[in-house]
C-alpha atoms as a PDB file:
ATOM      1  CA  MET A   1      39.525-203.470  16.956  1.00  0.00           C
ATOM      2  CA  SER A   2      39.919-206.326  14.540  1.00  0.00           C
ATOM      3  CA  LEU A   3      37.481-209.178  14.207  1.00  0.00           C
ATOM      4  CA  THR A   4      38.314-212.730  15.010  1.00  0.00           C
ATOM      5  CA  ARG A   5      38.295-215.160  12.118  1.00  0.00           C
ATOM      6  CA  GLU A   6      35.108-216.764  13.463  1.00  0.00           C
ATOM      7  CA  LEU A   7      33.277-213.450  13.728  1.00  0.00           C
ATOM      8  CA  GLU A   8      34.435-212.399  10.285  1.00  0.00           C
ATOM      9  CA  GLU A   9      33.138-215.679   8.805  1.00  0.00           C
ATOM     10  CA  LEU A  10      29.856-215.292  10.688  1.00  0.00           C
ATOM     11  CA  TYR A  11      29.417-211.740   9.399  1.00  0.00           C
ATOM     12  CA  LYS A  12      30.231-212.784   5.826  1.00  0.00           C
ATOM     13  CA  LYS A  13      27.689-215.624   5.986  1.00  0.00           C
ATOM     14  CA  THR A  14      25.116-213.269   7.464  1.00  0.00           C
ATOM     15  CA  MET A  15      25.845-210.734   4.747  1.00  0.00           C
ATOM     16  CA  GLU A  16      25.471-213.375   2.011  1.00  0.00           C
ATOM     17  CA  GLU A  17      22.165-214.526   3.496  1.00  0.00           C
ATOM     18  CA  ALA A  18      20.910-210.942   3.677  1.00  0.00           C
ATOM     19  CA  LYS A  19      21.858-210.459   0.004  1.00  0.00           C
ATOM     20  CA  LYS A  20      19.938-213.636  -0.957  1.00  0.00           C
ATOM     21  CA  GLN A  21      16.905-212.375   0.935  1.00  0.00           C
ATOM     22  CA  LEU A  22      17.130-208.987  -0.784  1.00  0.00           C
ATOM     23  CA  ASP A  23      17.274-210.669  -4.189  1.00  0.00           C
ATOM     24  CA  THR A  24      14.278-212.843  -3.305  1.00  0.00           C
ATOM     25  CA  ILE A  25      12.308-209.823  -2.155  1.00  0.00           C
ATOM     26  CA  ASP A  26      13.174-207.945  -5.367  1.00  0.00           C
ATOM     27  CA  GLU A  27      11.932-210.879  -7.440  1.00  0.00           C
ATOM     28  CA  GLU A  28       8.730-211.101  -5.405  1.00  0.00           C
ATOM     29  CA  MET A  29       8.137-207.361  -5.743  1.00  0.00           C
ATOM     30  CA  GLU A  30       8.603-207.537  -9.521  1.00  0.00           C
ATOM     31  CA  LYS A  31       6.084-210.396  -9.767  1.00  0.00           C
ATOM     32  CA  GLU A  32       3.533-208.435  -7.734  1.00  0.00           C
ATOM     33  CA  ILE A  33       4.112-205.291  -9.796  1.00  0.00           C
ATOM     34  CA  GLN A  34       3.538-207.276 -12.994  1.00  0.00           C
ATOM     35  CA  LYS A  35       0.306-208.748 -11.590  1.00  0.00           C
ATOM     36  CA  THR A  36      -0.851-205.254 -10.670  1.00  0.00           C
ATOM     37  CA  ARG A  37      -0.010-203.935 -14.141  1.00  0.00           C
ATOM     38  CA  THR A  38      -2.015-206.751 -15.720  1.00  0.00           C
ATOM     39  CA  ILE A  39      -5.027-206.088 -13.499  1.00  0.00           C
ATOM     40  CA  LEU A  40      -4.784-202.352 -14.121  1.00  0.00           C
ATOM     41  CA  ALA A  41      -4.683-202.913 -17.891  1.00  0.00           C
ATOM     42  CA  GLN A  42      -7.822-205.066 -17.651  1.00  0.00           C
ATOM     43  CA  ILE A  43      -9.618-202.436 -15.600  1.00  0.00           C
ATOM     44  CA  GLN A  44      -8.581-199.670 -18.003  1.00  0.00           C
ATOM     45  CA  GLU A  45      -9.846-201.684 -20.979  1.00  0.00           C
ATOM     46  CA  SER A  46     -13.139-202.252 -19.188  1.00  0.00           C
ATOM     47  CA  LYS A  47     -13.404-198.544 -18.451  1.00  0.00           C
ATOM     48  CA  ARG A  48     -12.770-197.692 -22.109  1.00  0.00           C
ATOM     49  CA  ALA A  49     -15.462-200.107 -23.216  1.00  0.00           C
ATOM     50  CA  PHE A  50     -18.038-198.684 -20.806  1.00  0.00           C
ATOM     51  CA  GLN A  51     -17.037-195.141 -21.744  1.00  0.00           C
ATOM     52  CA  HIS A  52     -17.698-195.943 -25.421  1.00  0.00           C
ATOM     53  CA  ILE A  53     -21.084-197.436 -24.528  1.00  0.00           C
ATOM     54  CA  TYR A  54     -21.944-194.419 -22.368  1.00  0.00           C
ATOM     55  CA  GLU A  55     -20.926-191.884 -24.996  1.00  0.00           C
ATOM     56  CA  GLY A  56     -22.634-193.849 -27.780  1.00  0.00           C
ATOM     57  CA  ILE A  57     -25.948-194.014 -25.924  1.00  0.00           C
ATOM     58  CA  ALA A  58     -25.705-190.348 -24.988  1.00  0.00           C
ATOM     59  CA  GLU A  59     -25.190-189.484 -28.646  1.00  0.00           C
ATOM     60  CA  LEU A  60     -28.196-191.604 -29.663  1.00  0.00           C
ATOM     61  CA  LEU A  61     -30.312-189.825 -27.059  1.00  0.00           C
ATOM     62  CA  GLY A  62     -28.973-186.434 -28.072  1.00  0.00           C
ATOM     63  CA  ILE A  63     -27.482-185.803 -24.665  1.00  0.00           C
ATOM     64  CA  GLU A  64     -24.229-183.911 -24.498  1.00  0.00           C
ATOM     65  CA  VAL A  65     -21.707-185.498 -22.145  1.00  0.00           C
ATOM     66  CA  GLU A  66     -18.162-184.703 -21.238  1.00  0.00           C
ATOM     67  CA  THR A  67     -15.742-187.152 -22.866  1.00  0.00           C
ATOM     68  CA  ASN A  68     -12.693-188.675 -21.216  1.00  0.00           C
ATOM     69  CA  GLU A  69     -10.427-186.495 -23.345  1.00  0.00           C
ATOM     70  CA  GLU A  70     -12.166-183.355 -22.080  1.00  0.00           C
ATOM     71  CA  LYS A  71     -11.913-184.619 -18.497  1.00  0.00           C
ATOM     72  CA  ASP A  72      -8.229-185.443 -18.978  1.00  0.00           C
ATOM     73  CA  ASP A  73      -7.579-181.960 -20.400  1.00  0.00           C
ATOM     74  CA  GLU A  74      -9.363-180.331 -17.465  1.00  0.00           C
ATOM     75  CA  LEU A  75      -7.510-182.503 -14.960  1.00  0.00           C
ATOM     76  CA  ALA A  76      -4.145-181.700 -16.565  1.00  0.00           C
ATOM     77  CA  ALA A  77      -4.943-177.979 -16.515  1.00  0.00           C
ATOM     78  CA  LYS A  78      -6.009-178.178 -12.861  1.00  0.00           C
ATOM     79  CA  GLU A  79      -2.870-180.095 -11.903  1.00  0.00           C
ATOM     80  CA  LYS A  80      -0.717-177.588 -13.752  1.00  0.00           C
ATOM     81  CA  GLY A  81      -2.450-174.752 -11.907  1.00  0.00           C
ATOM     82  CA  ASP A  82      -2.045-176.534  -8.577  1.00  0.00           C
ATOM     83  CA  GLU A  83       1.666-177.057  -9.243  1.00  0.00           C
ATOM     84  CA  ALA A  84       2.118-173.374 -10.065  1.00  0.00           C
ATOM     85  CA  LYS A  85       0.216-172.419  -6.905  1.00  0.00           C
ATOM     86  CA  ASN A  86       2.378-174.734  -4.777  1.00  0.00           C
ATOM     87  CA  ILE A  87       5.544-173.274  -6.263  1.00  0.00           C
ATOM     88  CA  GLU A  88       4.348-169.750  -5.495  1.00  0.00           C
ATOM     89  CA  GLU A  89       3.446-170.692  -1.930  1.00  0.00           C
ATOM     90  CA  ASN A  90       6.858-172.297  -1.352  1.00  0.00           C
ATOM     91  CA  ASP A  91       8.758-169.258  -2.630  1.00  0.00           C
END
């Protein structure tokens, strides 16, 4: 079944409009992602600052605390173990 000229033109216009909308949505998504990255960077910087304060005061008081690096190492080890466990369970 072939399309009439009118239907073909209608479909082409509809397709062009859909493409414009897709491009607009992509642009909007990129803007929102950039905003989120900026906010995340600000939050991370704030966390670092408070972590330094926390660790500095703990050191002054002679209290031993777990640092972020130690927590990150433990988390990475746990995740690695979880991944290995999941692989074993799926086999």
